[in-house]
C-alpha atoms as a PDB file:
ATOM      1  CA  MET A   1       1.934  -3.924 -32.576  1.00  0.00           C
ATOM      2  CA  ALA A   2       0.617  -2.224 -29.440  1.00  0.00           C
ATOM      3  CA  LYS A   3       3.028  -0.125 -27.406  1.00  0.00           C
ATOM      4  CA  ARG A   4       3.528  -1.087 -23.808  1.00  0.00           C
ATOM      5  CA  LYS A   5       2.255   1.570 -21.417  1.00  0.00           C
ATOM      6  CA  LYS A   6       5.039   2.998 -19.268  1.00  0.00           C
ATOM      7  CA  SER A   7       4.466   3.266 -15.525  1.00  0.00           C
ATOM      8  CA  LYS A   8       3.908   6.842 -14.401  1.00  0.00           C
ATOM      9  CA  TYR A   9       5.328   6.018 -10.963  1.00  0.00           C
ATOM     10  CA  LYS A  10       8.998   5.874 -10.011  1.00  0.00           C
ATOM     11  CA  HIS A  11      10.160   2.283  -9.552  1.00  0.00           C
ATOM     12  CA  VAL A  12      13.071  -0.121  -9.941  1.00  0.00           C
ATOM     13  CA  GLU A  13      12.943  -3.597 -11.436  1.00  0.00           C
ATOM     14  CA  ILE A  14      15.002  -6.280  -9.664  1.00  0.00           C
ATOM     15  CA  GLN A  15      14.867  -9.904 -10.832  1.00  0.00           C
ATOM     16  CA  LYS A  16      11.806  -9.050 -12.970  1.00  0.00           C
ATOM     17  CA  LYS A  17       9.863  -7.640  -9.994  1.00  0.00           C
ATOM     18  CA  LYS A  18       8.880  -3.952  -9.740  1.00  0.00           C
ATOM     19  CA  TYR A  19       9.371  -2.050  -6.494  1.00  0.00           C
ATOM     20  CA  TYR A  20       7.639   1.337  -6.270  1.00  0.00           C
ATOM     21  CA  PHE A  21       9.180   4.408  -4.632  1.00  0.00           C
ATOM     22  CA  CYS A  22       6.834   5.968  -2.085  1.00  0.00           C
ATOM     23  CA  LYS A  23       6.467   8.654   0.541  1.00  0.00           C
ATOM     24  CA  ILE A  24       5.336   6.897   3.719  1.00  0.00           C
ATOM     25  CA  THR A  25       3.886   8.961   6.572  1.00  0.00           C
ATOM     26  CA  TRP A  26       3.732   7.117   9.875  1.00  0.00           C
ATOM     27  CA  ASP A  27       3.509   7.666  13.636  1.00  0.00           C
ATOM     28  CA  ASP A  28       6.436   6.659  15.833  1.00  0.00           C
ATOM     29  CA  ILE A  29       6.465   6.062  19.565  1.00  0.00           C
ATOM     30  CA  LEU A  30       7.638   9.019  21.629  1.00  0.00           C
ATOM     31  CA  GLY A  31       9.251   8.176  24.963  1.00  0.00           C
ATOM     32  CA  ASP A  32      10.816  10.088  27.802  1.00  0.00           C
ATOM     33  CA  SER A  33      12.492   8.765  30.941  1.00  0.00           C
ATOM     34  CA  GLY A  34      12.544  12.081  32.801  1.00  0.00           C
ATOM     35  CA  HIS A  35      10.116  13.498  35.354  1.00  0.00           C
ATOM     36  CA  ALA A  36       7.096  15.441  34.101  1.00  0.00           C
ATOM     37  CA  ASP A  37       3.989  16.968  35.607  1.00  0.00           C
ATOM     38  CA  VAL A  38       0.464  16.187  34.383  1.00  0.00           C
ATOM     39  CA  GLU A  39       0.343  19.160  31.986  1.00  0.00           C
ATOM     40  CA  GLU A  40       3.660  18.302  30.301  1.00  0.00           C
ATOM     41  CA  PHE A  41       2.805  14.582  30.124  1.00  0.00           C
ATOM     42  CA  SER A  42      -0.615  15.331  28.589  1.00  0.00           C
ATOM     43  CA  LYS A  43       1.046  17.275  25.739  1.00  0.00           C
ATOM     44  CA  MET A  44       3.142  14.288  24.587  1.00  0.00           C
ATOM     45  CA  ILE A  45       2.111  12.894  21.198  1.00  0.00           C
ATOM     46  CA  PRO A  46       3.725  10.381  18.827  1.00  0.00           C
ATOM     47  CA  ALA A  47       6.288  11.728  16.371  1.00  0.00           C
ATOM     48  CA  ARG A  48       4.928  12.084  12.805  1.00  0.00           C
ATOM     49  CA  MET A  49       7.627  10.571  10.577  1.00  0.00           C
ATOM     50  CA  VAL A  50       8.141  10.603   6.795  1.00  0.00           C
ATOM     51  CA  THR A  51      10.135   7.898   5.020  1.00  0.00           C
ATOM     52  CA  HIS A  52      10.989   7.947   1.298  1.00  0.00           C
ATOM     53  CA  ALA A  53      11.747   4.387   0.185  1.00  0.00           C
ATOM     54  CA  TYR A  54      10.897   1.513  -2.122  1.00  0.00           C
ATOM     55  CA  ILE A  55       8.139  -0.840  -0.908  1.00  0.00           C
ATOM     56  CA  PHE A  56       9.513  -4.377  -0.618  1.00  0.00           C
ATOM     57  CA  SER A  57       6.315  -5.924   0.759  1.00  0.00           C
ATOM     58  CA  LYS A  58       3.134  -5.052   2.636  1.00  0.00           C
ATOM     59  CA  ASP A  59       0.597  -7.221   4.436  1.00  0.00           C
ATOM     60  CA  LYS A  60      -2.009  -6.737   7.175  1.00  0.00           C
ATOM     61  CA  LYS A  61       0.655  -6.424   9.894  1.00  0.00           C
ATOM     62  CA  LEU A  62       3.885  -5.070   8.375  1.00  0.00           C
ATOM     63  CA  LEU A  63       5.296  -2.785   5.703  1.00  0.00           C
ATOM     64  CA  ARG A  64       8.870  -3.579   4.601  1.00  0.00           C
ATOM     65  CA  THR A  65      10.909  -0.910   2.810  1.00  0.00           C
ATOM     66  CA  PHE A  66      14.412  -0.427   1.396  1.00  0.00           C
ATOM     67  CA  ALA A  67      16.278   2.603   0.086  1.00  0.00           C
ATOM     68  CA  SER A  68      19.401   1.007  -1.427  1.00  0.00           C
ATOM     69  CA  TYR A  69      19.924  -2.091  -3.557  1.00  0.00           C
ATOM     70  CA  ASP A  70      22.651  -3.966  -5.415  1.00  0.00           C
ATOM     71  CA  THR A  71      22.357  -3.625  -9.199  1.00  0.00           C
ATOM     72  CA  SER A  72      23.920  -7.027  -9.867  1.00  0.00           C
ATOM     73  CA  SER A  73      22.066  -9.195  -7.340  1.00  0.00           C
ATOM     74  CA  GLU A  74      18.886  -9.379  -5.285  1.00  0.00           C
ATOM     75  CA  SER A  75      20.351  -7.626  -2.240  1.00  0.00           C
ATOM     76  CA  PHE A  76      18.760  -4.757  -0.254  1.00  0.00           C
ATOM     77  CA  SER A  77      20.073  -2.185   2.274  1.00  0.00           C
ATOM     78  CA  ASP A  78      18.727   0.707   4.373  1.00  0.00           C
ATOM     79  CA  ARG A  79      15.774  -1.476   5.377  1.00  0.00           C
ATOM     80  CA  ASN A  80      12.855  -0.692   7.681  1.00  0.00           C
ATOM     81  CA  VAL A  81       9.884  -2.666   8.969  1.00  0.00           C
ATOM     82  CA  ILE A  82       6.926  -0.528  10.058  1.00  0.00           C
ATOM     83  CA  PRO A  83       3.767  -1.925  11.719  1.00  0.00           C
ATOM     84  CA  THR A  84       0.832  -1.134   9.384  1.00  0.00           C
ATOM     85  CA  GLY A  85      -1.163   0.197  12.338  1.00  0.00           C
ATOM     86  CA  CYS A  86       1.332   3.081  12.567  1.00  0.00           C
ATOM     87  CA  ILE A  87       1.020   4.076   8.909  1.00  0.00           C
ATOM     88  CA  VAL A  88      -0.977   7.232   8.217  1.00  0.00           C
ATOM     89  CA  LYS A  89      -0.522   7.449   4.418  1.00  0.00           C
ATOM     90  CA  ILE A  90       1.400   5.892   1.527  1.00  0.00           C
ATOM     91  CA  GLU A  91       1.867   7.931  -1.664  1.00  0.00           C
ATOM     92  CA  LYS A  92       3.508   6.613  -4.829  1.00  0.00           C
ATOM     93  CA  ILE A  93       5.976   9.118  -6.299  1.00  0.00           C
ATOM     94  CA  ASN A  94       5.364  10.217  -9.909  1.00  0.00           C
ATOM     95  CA  VAL A  95       8.177  10.073 -12.434  1.00  0.00           C
END
Protein backbone atom coordinates (compact mmCIF):
# COMPACT_ATOMS: atom_id res chain seq x y z
CA MET A 1 0.00 0.00 0.00
CA ALA A 2 1.50 3.32 -1.07
CA LYS A 3 1.81 6.06 1.53
CA ARG A 4 0.07 9.32 0.81
CA LYS A 5 2.52 12.18 0.34
CA LYS A 6 2.05 14.89 2.96
CA SER A 7 1.85 18.50 1.79
CA LYS A 8 5.00 20.45 2.61
CA TYR A 9 2.98 23.68 2.79
CA LYS A 10 0.96 24.92 5.76
CA HIS A 11 -2.77 24.54 5.14
CA VAL A 12 -6.13 23.83 6.74
CA GLU A 13 -8.80 21.47 5.44
CA ILE A 14 -12.41 22.68 5.73
CA GLN A 15 -15.26 20.60 4.29
CA LYS A 16 -12.70 18.47 2.41
CA LYS A 17 -11.12 21.50 0.70
CA LYS A 18 -7.52 22.61 1.37
CA TYR A 19 -6.71 26.27 1.95
CA TYR A 20 -3.02 27.20 1.84
CA PHE A 21 -1.39 29.72 4.18
CA CYS A 22 0.58 32.34 2.26
CA LYS A 23 2.58 35.53 2.55
CA ILE A 24 1.00 38.01 0.15
CA THR A 25 2.93 41.15 -0.83
CA TRP A 26 0.79 43.82 -2.44
CA ASP A 27 0.67 47.56 -3.18
CA ASP A 28 -1.98 49.69 -1.50
CA ILE A 29 -3.20 53.13 -2.50
CA LEU A 30 -1.58 55.99 -0.62
CA GLY A 31 -3.68 59.14 -0.26
CA ASP A 32 -3.29 62.51 1.36
CA SER A 33 -5.80 65.35 1.61
CA GLY A 34 -3.30 68.00 2.70
CA HIS A 35 -1.42 70.59 0.65
CA ALA A 36 1.90 69.59 -0.91
CA ASP A 37 4.39 71.13 -3.29
CA VAL A 38 5.59 69.40 -6.48
CA GLU A 39 8.67 67.86 -4.81
CA GLU A 40 6.69 66.35 -1.91
CA PHE A 41 3.91 65.13 -4.23
CA SER A 42 6.44 63.51 -6.59
CA LYS A 43 7.87 61.44 -3.71
CA MET A 44 4.53 59.76 -2.91
CA ILE A 45 4.43 56.04 -3.72
CA PRO A 46 1.95 53.27 -2.89
CA ALA A 47 2.37 51.52 0.45
CA ARG A 48 3.98 48.05 0.14
CA MET A 49 1.83 45.78 2.32
CA VAL A 50 2.32 42.21 3.57
CA THR A 51 -0.62 40.00 4.52
CA HIS A 52 -0.28 36.52 6.06
CA ALA A 53 -3.51 34.60 5.43
CA TYR A 54 -5.16 31.55 3.92
CA ILE A 55 -6.13 31.83 0.23
CA PHE A 56 -9.89 31.32 -0.14
CA SER A 57 -9.99 31.93 -3.90
CA LYS A 58 -8.10 33.65 -6.71
CA ASP A 59 -9.12 34.56 -10.24
CA LYS A 60 -7.99 37.06 -12.89
CA LYS A 61 -9.48 40.02 -10.98
CA LEU A 62 -9.53 39.23 -7.24
CA LEU A 63 -7.72 37.39 -4.47
CA ARG A 64 -9.87 36.48 -1.44
CA THR A 65 -8.18 35.66 1.87
CA PHE A 66 -9.14 34.77 5.45
CA ALA A 67 -7.15 34.48 8.66
CA SER A 68 -9.70 32.92 11.03
CA TYR A 69 -12.23 30.12 10.60
CA ASP A 70 -14.78 28.12 12.57
CA THR A 71 -13.64 24.54 13.24
CA SER A 72 -17.19 23.17 13.29
CA SER A 73 -18.66 24.85 10.20
CA GLU A 74 -17.72 26.46 6.91
CA SER A 75 -17.46 29.99 8.32
CA PHE A 76 -14.60 32.48 7.74
CA SER A 77 -13.46 35.71 9.48
CA ASP A 78 -10.73 38.35 9.11
CA ARG A 79 -11.42 38.45 5.37
CA ASN A 80 -9.81 40.58 2.67
CA VAL A 81 -10.37 41.01 -1.06
CA ILE A 82 -7.34 42.33 -2.96
CA PRO A 83 -7.38 43.25 -6.68
CA THR A 84 -4.89 40.92 -8.44
CA GLY A 85 -3.36 43.91 -10.23
CA CYS A 86 -2.07 45.12 -6.84
CA ILE A 87 -0.39 41.84 -5.93
CA VAL A 88 3.40 41.80 -6.19
CA LYS A 89 4.09 38.25 -4.91
CA ILE A 90 2.38 35.26 -3.29
CA GLU A 91 4.52 32.77 -1.34
CA LYS A 92 3.20 29.55 0.18
CA ILE A 93 4.49 29.03 3.73
CA ASN A 94 6.40 25.79 4.42
CA VAL A 95 5.43 23.60 7.35
